Protein backbone atom coordinates (compact mmCIF):
# COMPACT_ATOMS: atom_id res chain seq x y z
CA UNK A 1 166.77 84.21 183.46
CA UNK A 2 170.45 85.02 182.88
CA UNK A 3 172.66 83.79 185.34
CA UNK A 4 173.33 85.49 188.43
CA UNK A 5 177.10 87.19 189.22
CA UNK A 6 178.50 86.93 192.23
CA UNK A 7 178.99 89.81 194.10
CA UNK A 8 181.97 92.18 194.26
CA UNK A 9 183.08 89.88 190.49
CA UNK A 10 183.76 92.81 187.87
CA UNK A 11 181.68 91.84 184.44
CA UNK A 12 183.73 93.64 181.72
CA UNK A 13 184.89 93.00 177.90
CA UNK A 14 183.58 90.92 175.98
CA UNK A 15 180.85 89.24 179.14
CA UNK A 16 179.87 93.06 180.02
CA UNK A 17 178.87 93.60 176.58
CA UNK A 18 176.76 90.82 176.21
CA UNK A 19 175.10 91.11 180.11
CA UNK A 20 174.84 94.32 178.77
CA UNK A 21 172.44 93.86 175.69
CA UNK A 22 170.62 90.75 177.05
CA UNK A 23 169.35 93.45 179.74
CA UNK A 24 168.40 96.28 177.37
CA UNK A 25 166.61 93.34 175.72
CA UNK A 26 164.72 92.24 179.02
CA UNK A 27 163.95 96.39 179.58
CA UNK A 28 162.97 97.30 176.35
CA UNK A 29 160.48 94.04 176.25
CA UNK A 30 158.91 95.96 179.84
CA UNK A 31 160.53 94.47 182.55
CA UNK A 32 162.12 96.46 185.72
CA UNK A 33 165.34 97.38 186.42
CA UNK A 34 164.51 96.49 189.86
CA UNK A 35 163.43 92.80 188.42
CA UNK A 36 166.08 92.51 186.58
CA UNK A 37 168.71 93.52 189.01
CA UNK A 38 167.20 90.94 191.74
CA UNK A 39 167.53 87.84 189.06
CA UNK A 40 170.87 88.93 188.17
CA UNK A 41 172.03 89.55 191.62
CA UNK A 42 173.38 92.86 191.21
CA UNK A 43 172.32 96.25 192.35
CA UNK A 44 169.85 98.93 190.99
CA UNK A 45 172.68 100.98 190.05
CA UNK A 46 174.35 98.26 188.32
CA UNK A 47 171.57 97.32 186.31
CA UNK A 48 170.78 101.23 185.46
CA UNK A 49 174.58 101.78 183.99
CA UNK A 50 174.77 99.26 182.04
CA UNK A 51 171.35 100.52 180.78
CA UNK A 52 172.80 103.70 179.82
CA UNK A 53 175.66 102.23 178.40
CA UNK A 54 173.54 100.81 175.83
CA UNK A 55 171.97 104.07 175.20
CA UNK A 56 168.29 102.61 175.94
CA UNK A 57 165.77 105.44 176.52
CA UNK A 58 164.38 104.91 179.95
CA UNK A 59 160.77 104.87 181.09
CA UNK A 60 159.20 107.91 183.38
CA UNK A 61 158.78 106.53 186.91
CA UNK A 62 156.46 104.83 188.54
CA UNK A 63 154.17 102.46 185.66
CA UNK A 64 151.45 103.63 183.24
CA UNK A 65 148.83 105.62 184.50
CA UNK A 66 146.03 104.82 185.89
CA UNK A 67 142.27 106.13 183.37
CA UNK A 68 139.74 104.68 184.56
CA UNK A 69 139.76 106.98 187.31
CA UNK A 70 136.12 108.92 187.94
CA UNK A 71 136.80 112.62 186.69
CA UNK A 72 137.62 115.49 189.04
CA UNK A 73 134.81 117.35 189.83
CA UNK A 74 134.39 120.64 190.08
CA UNK A 75 134.17 123.04 192.83
């Protein structure tokens, strides 16, 4: 768990770089943007911006596809 950042606090310089690296690592390990945002006390947009600034490849929306569904029946 990362420390919560007080609402309205500017995160700049070395602290922002360290936070961005930490957030990027957590996201690449499979954690969602929303859960990271809730954990550090910042918005989804703030966390997304950090990930973009770290040039992280974003996952597609919706989570993994379910492959165990029954096959479609042709008409």
